[in-house]
Amino acid sequence: MSNFQATVTLVAGGTGGLGRAVALAFLRAEAKVHVTFRNQAELDELYRAAEASAIQLQGHSVDVTDGNSVSQLVESILKKDGRLDVLPY
């Protein structure tokens, strides 16, 4: 059992570069991972890279520079998963 098993994580910019690596690491640690993205093709590639862990992955097309959009995203995650445990930056 990992330290992140069953935790709920949100990775902003989770489909490119460092964010992608962070999202995949949390998925390997058995966390449920939400990512924000701007490019659907990059999100699709992340799902492919996640393989069996993709069931624990959910993408959100959100402008993280818009406070209202971020608030709505967090509310959505809390409504769906009941909590948000990790927000790496």
PDB file of N, CA and C in Angstrom:
ATOM      1  N   MET A   1       0.841  -1.173   0.000  1.00  0.00           N
ATOM      2  CA  MET A   1       0.000   0.000   0.000  1.00  0.00           C
ATOM      3  C   MET A   1       0.894   1.247   0.000  1.00  0.00           C
ATOM      4  N   SER A   2       0.562   2.211  -0.875  1.00  0.00           N
ATOM      5  CA  SER A   2       1.358   3.434  -0.937  1.00  0.00           C
ATOM      6  C   SER A   2       0.788   4.480   0.016  1.00  0.00           C
ATOM      7  N   ASN A   3       1.564   5.521   0.244  1.00  0.00           N
ATOM      8  CA  ASN A   3       1.105   6.615   1.094  1.00  0.00           C
ATOM      9  C   ASN A   3       0.002   7.433   0.443  1.00  0.00           C
ATOM     10  N   PHE A   4      -0.191   7.293  -0.875  1.00  0.00           N
ATOM     11  CA  PHE A   4      -1.184   8.087  -1.587  1.00  0.00           C
ATOM     12  C   PHE A   4      -2.385   7.277  -2.041  1.00  0.00           C
ATOM     13  N   GLN A   5      -2.438   6.014  -1.666  1.00  0.00           N
ATOM     14  CA  GLN A   5      -3.555   5.170  -2.073  1.00  0.00           C
ATOM     15  C   GLN A   5      -4.864   5.794  -1.604  1.00  0.00           C
ATOM     16  N   ALA A   6      -5.801   5.932  -2.541  1.00  0.00           N
ATOM     17  CA  ALA A   6      -7.147   6.452  -2.278  1.00  0.00           C
ATOM     18  C   ALA A   6      -7.179   7.946  -1.969  1.00  0.00           C
ATOM     19  N   THR A   7      -6.076   8.663  -2.115  1.00  0.00           N
ATOM     20  CA  THR A   7      -6.127  10.108  -1.944  1.00  0.00           C
ATOM     21  C   THR A   7      -6.640  10.743  -3.228  1.00  0.00           C
ATOM     22  N   VAL A   8      -7.166  11.947  -3.109  1.00  0.00           N
ATOM     23  CA  VAL A   8      -7.680  12.695  -4.255  1.00  0.00           C
ATOM     24  C   VAL A   8      -6.725  13.858  -4.504  1.00  0.00           C
ATOM     25  N   THR A   9      -6.198  13.906  -5.724  1.00  0.00           N
ATOM     26  CA  THR A   9      -5.163  14.863  -6.083  1.00  0.00           C
ATOM     27  C   THR A   9      -5.619  15.697  -7.273  1.00  0.00           C
ATOM     28  N   LEU A  10      -5.245  16.972  -7.288  1.00  0.00           N
ATOM     29  CA  LEU A  10      -5.502  17.848  -8.426  1.00  0.00           C
ATOM     30  C   LEU A  10      -4.171  18.391  -8.910  1.00  0.00           C
ATOM     31  N   VAL A  11      -3.838  18.121 -10.175  1.00  0.00           N
ATOM     32  CA  VAL A  11      -2.595  18.601 -10.775  1.00  0.00           C
ATOM     33  C   VAL A  11      -2.957  19.608 -11.858  1.00  0.00           C
ATOM     34  N   ALA A  12      -2.641  20.879 -11.614  1.00  0.00           N
ATOM     35  CA  ALA A  12      -2.871  21.911 -12.623  1.00  0.00           C
ATOM     36  C   ALA A  12      -1.842  21.744 -13.740  1.00  0.00           C
ATOM     37  N   GLY A  13      -2.298  21.837 -14.976  1.00  0.00           N
ATOM     38  CA  GLY A  13      -1.385  21.638 -16.102  1.00  0.00           C
ATOM     39  C   GLY A  13      -0.864  20.222 -16.150  1.00  0.00           C
ATOM     40  N   GLY A  14      -1.725  19.275 -15.869  1.00  0.00           N
ATOM     41  CA  GLY A  14      -1.302  17.891 -15.701  1.00  0.00           C
ATOM     42  C   GLY A  14      -1.040  17.106 -16.967  1.00  0.00           C
ATOM     43  N   THR A  15      -1.074  17.745 -18.132  1.00  0.00           N
ATOM     44  CA  THR A  15      -0.852  16.984 -19.362  1.00  0.00           C
ATOM     45  C   THR A  15       0.466  17.306 -20.045  1.00  0.00           C
ATOM     46  N   GLY A  16       1.196  18.270 -19.557  1.00  0.00           N
ATOM     47  CA  GLY A  16       2.433  18.636 -20.229  1.00  0.00           C
ATOM     48  C   GLY A  16       3.605  18.706 -19.269  1.00  0.00           C
ATOM     49  N   GLY A  17       4.758  18.277 -19.732  1.00  0.00           N
ATOM     50  CA  GLY A  17       5.999  18.426 -18.985  1.00  0.00           C
ATOM     51  C   GLY A  17       5.948  17.900 -17.576  1.00  0.00           C
ATOM     52  N   LEU A  18       6.266  18.767 -16.638  1.00  0.00           N
ATOM     53  CA  LEU A  18       6.350  18.388 -15.228  1.00  0.00           C
ATOM     54  C   LEU A  18       4.999  17.936 -14.684  1.00  0.00           C
ATOM     55  N   GLY A  19       3.923  18.624 -15.072  1.00  0.00           N
ATOM     56  CA  GLY A  19       2.594  18.245 -14.595  1.00  0.00           C
ATOM     57  C   GLY A  19       2.229  16.827 -14.983  1.00  0.00           C
ATOM     58  N   ARG A  20       2.585  16.435 -16.210  1.00  0.00           N
ATOM     59  CA  ARG A  20       2.323  15.071 -16.686  1.00  0.00           C
ATOM     60  C   ARG A  20       3.085  14.060 -15.840  1.00  0.00           C
ATOM     61  N   ALA A  21       4.345  14.355 -15.564  1.00  0.00           N
ATOM     62  CA  ALA A  21       5.161  13.455 -14.746  1.00  0.00           C
ATOM     63  C   ALA A  21       4.587  13.334 -13.336  1.00  0.00           C
ATOM     64  N   VAL A  22       4.144  14.446 -12.777  1.00  0.00           N
ATOM     65  CA  VAL A  22       3.556  14.436 -11.431  1.00  0.00           C
ATOM     66  C   VAL A  22       2.268  13.617 -11.430  1.00  0.00           C
ATOM     67  N   ALA A  23       1.404  13.843 -12.438  1.00  0.00           N
ATOM     68  CA  ALA A  23       0.143  13.106 -12.518  1.00  0.00           C
ATOM     69  C   ALA A  23       0.399  11.603 -12.616  1.00  0.00           C
ATOM     70  N   LEU A  24       1.335  11.200 -13.469  1.00  0.00           N
ATOM     71  CA  LEU A  24       1.642   9.775 -13.624  1.00  0.00           C
ATOM     72  C   LEU A  24       2.218   9.186 -12.333  1.00  0.00           C
ATOM     73  N   ALA A  25       3.040   9.951 -11.637  1.00  0.00           N
ATOM     74  CA  ALA A  25       3.610   9.460 -10.369  1.00  0.00           C
ATOM     75  C   ALA A  25       2.506   9.229  -9.335  1.00  0.00           C
ATOM     76  N   PHE A  26       1.563  10.158  -9.237  1.00  0.00           N
ATOM     77  CA  PHE A  26       0.454   9.966  -8.304  1.00  0.00           C
ATOM     78  C   PHE A  26      -0.420   8.786  -8.724  1.00  0.00           C
ATOM     79  N   LEU A  27      -0.625   8.599 -10.019  1.00  0.00           N
ATOM     80  CA  LEU A  27      -1.391   7.440 -10.477  1.00  0.00           C
ATOM     81  C   LEU A  27      -0.685   6.139 -10.120  1.00  0.00           C
ATOM     82  N   ARG A  28       0.627   6.099 -10.292  1.00  0.00           N
ATOM     83  CA  ARG A  28       1.394   4.899  -9.916  1.00  0.00           C
ATOM     84  C   ARG A  28       1.311   4.639  -8.418  1.00  0.00           C
ATOM     85  N   ALA A  29       1.142   5.715  -7.639  1.00  0.00           N
ATOM     86  CA  ALA A  29       1.014   5.583  -6.180  1.00  0.00           C
ATOM     87  C   ALA A  29      -0.430   5.307  -5.768  1.00  0.00           C
ATOM     88  N   GLU A  30      -1.290   5.040  -6.751  1.00  0.00           N
ATOM     89  CA  GLU A  30      -2.678   4.637  -6.541  1.00  0.00           C
ATOM     90  C   GLU A  30      -3.589   5.753  -6.049  1.00  0.00           C
ATOM     91  N   ALA A  31      -3.231   7.000  -6.338  1.00  0.00           N
ATOM     92  CA  ALA A  31      -4.106   8.127  -6.014  1.00  0.00           C
ATOM     93  C   ALA A  31      -5.144   8.293  -7.114  1.00  0.00           C
ATOM     94  N   LYS A  32      -6.244   8.928  -6.778  1.00  0.00           N
ATOM     95  CA  LYS A  32      -7.210   9.374  -7.777  1.00  0.00           C
ATOM     96  C   LYS A  32      -6.731  10.749  -8.215  1.00  0.00           C
ATOM     97  N   VAL A  33      -6.565  10.953  -9.513  1.00  0.00           N
ATOM     98  CA  VAL A  33      -5.924  12.166 -10.008  1.00  0.00           C
ATOM     99  C   VAL A  33      -6.858  12.937 -10.944  1.00  0.00           C
ATOM    100  N   HIS A  34      -7.042  14.202 -10.629  1.00  0.00           N
ATOM    101  CA  HIS A  34      -7.726  15.148 -11.503  1.00  0.00           C
ATOM    102  C   HIS A  34      -6.646  16.041 -12.090  1.00  0.00           C
ATOM    103  N   VAL A  35      -6.719  16.306 -13.397  1.00  0.00           N
ATOM    104  CA  VAL A  35      -5.765  17.207 -14.034  1.00  0.00           C
ATOM    105  C   VAL A  35      -6.514  18.282 -14.806  1.00  0.00           C
ATOM    106  N   THR A  36      -5.925  19.473 -14.858  1.00  0.00           N
ATOM    107  CA  THR A  36      -6.430  20.484 -15.764  1.00  0.00           C
ATOM    108  C   THR A  36      -5.627  20.379 -17.050  1.00  0.00           C
ATOM    109  N   PHE A  37      -6.286  20.746 -18.157  1.00  0.00           N
ATOM    110  CA  PHE A  37      -5.605  20.655 -19.454  1.00  0.00           C
ATOM    111  C   PHE A  37      -6.139  21.708 -20.400  1.00  0.00           C
ATOM    112  N   ARG A  38      -5.338  22.000 -21.446  1.00  0.00           N
ATOM    113  CA  ARG A  38      -5.770  22.895 -22.511  1.00  0.00           C
ATOM    114  C   ARG A  38      -5.822  22.191 -23.856  1.00  0.00           C
ATOM    115  N   ASN A  39      -5.127  21.086 -23.983  1.00  0.00           N
ATOM    116  CA  ASN A  39      -5.010  20.401 -25.266  1.00  0.00           C
ATOM    117  C   ASN A  39      -5.566  18.983 -25.139  1.00  0.00           C
ATOM    118  N   GLN A  40      -6.654  18.708 -25.842  1.00  0.00           N
ATOM    119  CA  GLN A  40      -7.306  17.402 -25.753  1.00  0.00           C
ATOM    120  C   GLN A  40      -6.381  16.275 -26.174  1.00  0.00           C
ATOM    121  N   ALA A  41      -5.554  16.488 -27.192  1.00  0.00           N
ATOM    122  CA  ALA A  41      -4.632  15.443 -27.648  1.00  0.00           C
ATOM    123  C   ALA A  41      -3.640  15.074 -26.544  1.00  0.00           C
ATOM    124  N   GLU A  42      -3.178  16.068 -25.787  1.00  0.00           N
ATOM    125  CA  GLU A  42      -2.262  15.782 -24.672  1.00  0.00           C
ATOM    126  C   GLU A  42      -2.972  15.003 -23.569  1.00  0.00           C
ATOM    127  N   LEU A  43      -4.237  15.332 -23.316  1.00  0.00           N
ATOM    128  CA  LEU A  43      -5.005  14.571 -22.316  1.00  0.00           C
ATOM    129  C   LEU A  43      -5.181  13.128 -22.782  1.00  0.00           C
ATOM    130  N   ASP A  44      -5.503  12.951 -24.050  1.00  0.00           N
ATOM    131  CA  ASP A  44      -5.658  11.600 -24.591  1.00  0.00           C
ATOM    132  C   ASP A  44      -4.366  10.804 -24.441  1.00  0.00           C
ATOM    133  N   GLU A  45      -3.229  11.443 -24.681  1.00  0.00           N
ATOM    134  CA  GLU A  45      -1.935  10.774 -24.529  1.00  0.00           C
ATOM    135  C   GLU A  45      -1.671  10.418 -23.071  1.00  0.00           C
ATOM    136  N   LEU A  46      -2.063  11.295 -22.152  1.00  0.00           N
ATOM    137  CA  LEU A  46      -1.899  10.993 -20.727  1.00  0.00           C
ATOM    138  C   LEU A  46      -2.729   9.769 -20.349  1.00  0.00           C
ATOM    139  N   TYR A  47      -3.958   9.686 -20.848  1.00  0.00           N
ATOM    140  CA  TYR A  47      -4.779   8.502 -20.581  1.00  0.00           C
ATOM    141  C   TYR A  47      -4.092   7.238 -21.102  1.00  0.00           C
ATOM    142  N   ARG A  48      -3.506   7.311 -22.295  1.00  0.00           N
ATOM    143  CA  ARG A  48      -2.787   6.142 -22.840  1.00  0.00           C
ATOM    144  C   ARG A  48      -1.574   5.788 -21.979  1.00  0.00           C
ATOM    145  N   ALA A  49      -0.833   6.811 -21.550  1.00  0.00           N
ATOM    146  CA  ALA A  49       0.356   6.577 -20.724  1.00  0.00           C
ATOM    147  C   ALA A  49      -0.023   6.006 -19.357  1.00  0.00           C
ATOM    148  N   ALA A  50      -1.200   6.378 -18.867  1.00  0.00           N
ATOM    149  CA  ALA A  50      -1.640   5.911 -17.550  1.00  0.00           C
ATOM    150  C   ALA A  50      -2.033   4.441 -17.571  1.00  0.00           C
ATOM    151  N   GLU A  51      -2.349   3.908 -18.732  1.00  0.00           N
ATOM    152  CA  GLU A  51      -2.741   2.511 -18.921  1.00  0.00           C
ATOM    153  C   GLU A  51      -3.827   2.091 -17.933  1.00  0.00           C
ATOM    154  N   ALA A  52      -3.586   1.091 -17.146  1.00  0.00           N
ATOM    155  CA  ALA A  52      -4.597   0.549 -16.221  1.00  0.00           C
ATOM    156  C   ALA A  52      -5.000   1.572 -15.163  1.00  0.00           C
ATOM    157  N   SER A  53      -4.119   2.510 -14.854  1.00  0.00           N
ATOM    158  CA  SER A  53      -4.430   3.529 -13.847  1.00  0.00           C
ATOM    159  C   SER A  53      -5.368   4.599 -14.377  1.00  0.00           C
ATOM    160  N   ALA A  54      -5.644   4.598 -15.683  1.00  0.00           N
ATOM    161  CA  ALA A  54      -6.474   5.649 -16.280  1.00  0.00           C
ATOM    162  C   ALA A  54      -7.860   5.716 -15.655  1.00  0.00           C
ATOM    163  N   ILE A  55      -8.316   4.626 -15.077  1.00  0.00           N
ATOM    164  CA  ILE A  55      -9.616   4.624 -14.407  1.00  0.00           C
ATOM    165  C   ILE A  55      -9.627   5.622 -13.249  1.00  0.00           C
ATOM    166  N   GLN A  56      -8.460   5.921 -12.703  1.00  0.00           N
ATOM    167  CA  GLN A  56      -8.328   6.841 -11.569  1.00  0.00           C
ATOM    168  C   GLN A  56      -8.030   8.273 -12.027  1.00  0.00           C
ATOM    169  N   LEU A  57      -8.107   8.539 -13.334  1.00  0.00           N
ATOM    170  CA  LEU A  57      -7.728   9.828 -13.904  1.00  0.00           C
ATOM    171  C   LEU A  57      -8.945  10.536 -14.464  1.00  0.00           C
ATOM    172  N   GLN A  58      -9.038  11.838 -14.194  1.00  0.00           N
ATOM    173  CA  GLN A  58     -10.108  12.637 -14.780  1.00  0.00           C
ATOM    174  C   GLN A  58      -9.546  13.989 -15.201  1.00  0.00           C
ATOM    175  N   GLY A  59      -9.792  14.352 -16.464  1.00  0.00           N
ATOM    176  CA  GLY A  59      -9.331  15.623 -16.986  1.00  0.00           C
ATOM    177  C   GLY A  59     -10.408  16.689 -16.938  1.00  0.00           C
ATOM    178  N   HIS A  60      -9.965  17.935 -16.734  1.00  0.00           N
ATOM    179  CA  HIS A  60     -10.876  19.076 -16.661  1.00  0.00           C
ATOM    180  C   HIS A  60     -10.298  20.210 -17.504  1.00  0.00           C
ATOM    181  N   SER A  61     -11.064  20.675 -18.465  1.00  0.00           N
ATOM    182  CA  SER A  61     -10.649  21.816 -19.276  1.00  0.00           C
ATOM    183  C   SER A  61     -11.004  23.086 -18.507  1.00  0.00           C
ATOM    184  N   VAL A  62     -10.014  23.642 -17.819  1.00  0.00           N
ATOM    185  CA  VAL A  62     -10.235  24.784 -16.925  1.00  0.00           C
ATOM    186  C   VAL A  62      -9.126  25.805 -17.136  1.00  0.00           C
ATOM    187  N   ASP A  63      -9.502  27.075 -17.174  1.00  0.00           N
ATOM    188  CA  ASP A  63      -8.525  28.168 -17.208  1.00  0.00           C
ATOM    189  C   ASP A  63      -8.117  28.457 -15.771  1.00  0.00           C
ATOM    190  N   VAL A  64      -6.923  28.034 -15.381  1.00  0.00           N
ATOM    191  CA  VAL A  64      -6.500  28.184 -13.986  1.00  0.00           C
ATOM    192  C   VAL A  64      -6.176  29.625 -13.621  1.00  0.00           C
ATOM    193  N   THR A  65      -6.193  30.538 -14.591  1.00  0.00           N
ATOM    194  CA  THR A  65      -6.009  31.961 -14.273  1.00  0.00           C
ATOM    195  C   THR A  65      -7.331  32.632 -13.931  1.00  0.00           C
ATOM    196  N   ASP A  66      -8.441  31.906 -14.062  1.00  0.00           N
ATOM    197  CA  ASP A  66      -9.774  32.424 -13.754  1.00  0.00           C
ATOM    198  C   ASP A  66     -10.231  31.836 -12.421  1.00  0.00           C
ATOM    199  N   GLY A  67     -10.251  32.669 -11.397  1.00  0.00           N
ATOM    200  CA  GLY A  67     -10.593  32.215 -10.048  1.00  0.00           C
ATOM    201  C   GLY A  67     -11.946  31.544  -9.957  1.00  0.00           C
ATOM    202  N   ASN A  68     -12.928  32.059 -10.668  1.00  0.00           N
ATOM    203  CA  ASN A  68     -14.262  31.448 -10.630  1.00  0.00           C
ATOM    204  C   ASN A  68     -14.239  30.043 -11.206  1.00  0.00           C
ATOM    205  N   SER A  69     -13.511  29.851 -12.303  1.00  0.00           N
ATOM    206  CA  SER A  69     -13.413  28.521 -12.913  1.00  0.00           C
ATOM    207  C   SER A  69     -12.738  27.537 -11.973  1.00  0.00           C
ATOM    208  N   VAL A  70     -11.701  27.994 -11.290  1.00  0.00           N
ATOM    209  CA  VAL A  70     -10.994  27.126 -10.344  1.00  0.00           C
ATOM    210  C   VAL A  70     -11.902  26.776  -9.173  1.00  0.00           C
ATOM    211  N   SER A  71     -12.644  27.756  -8.668  1.00  0.00           N
ATOM    212  CA  SER A  71     -13.583  27.492  -7.571  1.00  0.00           C
ATOM    213  C   SER A  71     -14.629  26.463  -7.982  1.00  0.00           C
ATOM    214  N   GLN A  72     -15.150  26.593  -9.190  1.00  0.00           N
ATOM    215  CA  GLN A  72     -16.138  25.641  -9.688  1.00  0.00           C
ATOM    216  C   GLN A  72     -15.535  24.246  -9.819  1.00  0.00           C
ATOM    217  N   LEU A  73     -14.276  24.180 -10.267  1.00  0.00           N
ATOM    218  CA  LEU A  73     -13.595  22.883 -10.376  1.00  0.00           C
ATOM    219  C   LEU A  73     -13.463  22.231  -9.006  1.00  0.00           C
ATOM    220  N   VAL A  74     -12.989  22.983  -8.035  1.00  0.00           N
ATOM    221  CA  VAL A  74     -12.823  22.429  -6.685  1.00  0.00           C
ATOM    222  C   VAL A  74     -14.170  21.977  -6.129  1.00  0.00           C
ATOM    223  N   GLU A  75     -15.212  22.778  -6.317  1.00  0.00           N
ATOM    224  CA  GLU A  75     -16.551  22.375  -5.868  1.00  0.00           C
ATOM    225  C   GLU A  75     -16.979  21.071  -6.531  1.00  0.00           C
ATOM    226  N   SER A  76     -16.700  20.948  -7.817  1.00  0.00           N
ATOM    227  CA  SER A  76     -17.059  19.737  -8.559  1.00  0.00           C
ATOM    228  C   SER A  76     -16.324  18.510  -8.012  1.00  0.00           C
ATOM    229  N   ILE A  77     -15.041  18.672  -7.724  1.00  0.00           N
ATOM    230  CA  ILE A  77     -14.255  17.558  -7.172  1.00  0.00           C
ATOM    231  C   ILE A  77     -14.783  17.178  -5.790  1.00  0.00           C
ATOM    232  N   LEU A  78     -15.057  18.187  -4.968  1.00  0.00           N
ATOM    233  CA  LEU A  78     -15.571  17.913  -3.626  1.00  0.00           C
ATOM    234  C   LEU A  78     -16.931  17.221  -3.678  1.00  0.00           C
ATOM    235  N   LYS A  79     -17.766  17.634  -4.611  1.00  0.00           N
ATOM    236  CA  LYS A  79     -19.074  17.007  -4.752  1.00  0.00           C
ATOM    237  C   LYS A  79     -18.933  15.557  -5.197  1.00  0.00           C
ATOM    238  N   LYS A  80     -18.030  15.306  -6.128  1.00  0.00           N
ATOM    239  CA  LYS A  80     -17.864  13.959  -6.671  1.00  0.00           C
ATOM    240  C   LYS A  80     -17.110  13.036  -5.712  1.00  0.00           C
ATOM    241  N   ASP A  81     -15.993  13.518  -5.162  1.00  0.00           N
ATOM    242  CA  ASP A  81     -15.097  12.664  -4.372  1.00  0.00           C
ATOM    243  C   ASP A  81     -15.152  12.913  -2.860  1.00  0.00           C
ATOM    244  N   GLY A  82     -15.822  13.968  -2.440  1.00  0.00           N
ATOM    245  CA  GLY A  82     -15.977  14.227  -1.015  1.00  0.00           C
ATOM    246  C   GLY A  82     -14.802  14.914  -0.348  1.00  0.00           C
ATOM    247  N   ARG A  83     -13.704  15.069  -1.086  1.00  0.00           N
ATOM    248  CA  ARG A  83     -12.522  15.718  -0.502  1.00  0.00           C
ATOM    249  C   ARG A  83     -11.497  15.996  -1.592  1.00  0.00           C
ATOM    250  N   LEU A  84     -10.507  16.796  -1.236  1.00  0.00           N
ATOM    251  CA  LEU A  84      -9.343  17.048  -2.086  1.00  0.00           C
ATOM    252  C   LEU A  84      -8.146  17.031  -1.157  1.00  0.00           C
ATOM    253  N   ASP A  85      -7.308  15.997  -1.285  1.00  0.00           N
ATOM    254  CA  ASP A  85      -6.225  15.775  -0.335  1.00  0.00           C
ATOM    255  C   ASP A  85      -4.901  16.435  -0.722  1.00  0.00           C
ATOM    256  N   VAL A  86      -4.595  16.463  -2.021  1.00  0.00           N
ATOM    257  CA  VAL A  86      -3.274  16.915  -2.459  1.00  0.00           C
ATOM    258  C   VAL A  86      -3.428  17.882  -3.617  1.00  0.00           C
ATOM    259  N   LEU A  87      -2.743  19.026  -3.539  1.00  0.00           N
ATOM    260  CA  LEU A  87      -2.693  19.997  -4.616  1.00  0.00           C
ATOM    261  C   LEU A  87      -1.237  20.405  -4.807  1.00  0.00           C
ATOM    262  N   PRO A  88      -0.485  19.575  -5.561  1.00  0.00           N
ATOM    263  CA  PRO A  88       0.940  19.889  -5.747  1.00  0.00           C
ATOM    264  C   PRO A  88       1.116  21.126  -6.619  1.00  0.00           C
ATOM    265  N   TYR A  89       2.195  21.834  -6.379  1.00  0.00           N
ATOM    266  CA  TYR A  89       2.482  23.002  -7.223  1.00  0.00           C
ATOM    267  C   TYR A  89       3.935  23.052  -7.561  1.00  0.00           C
TER     268      TYR A  89
END
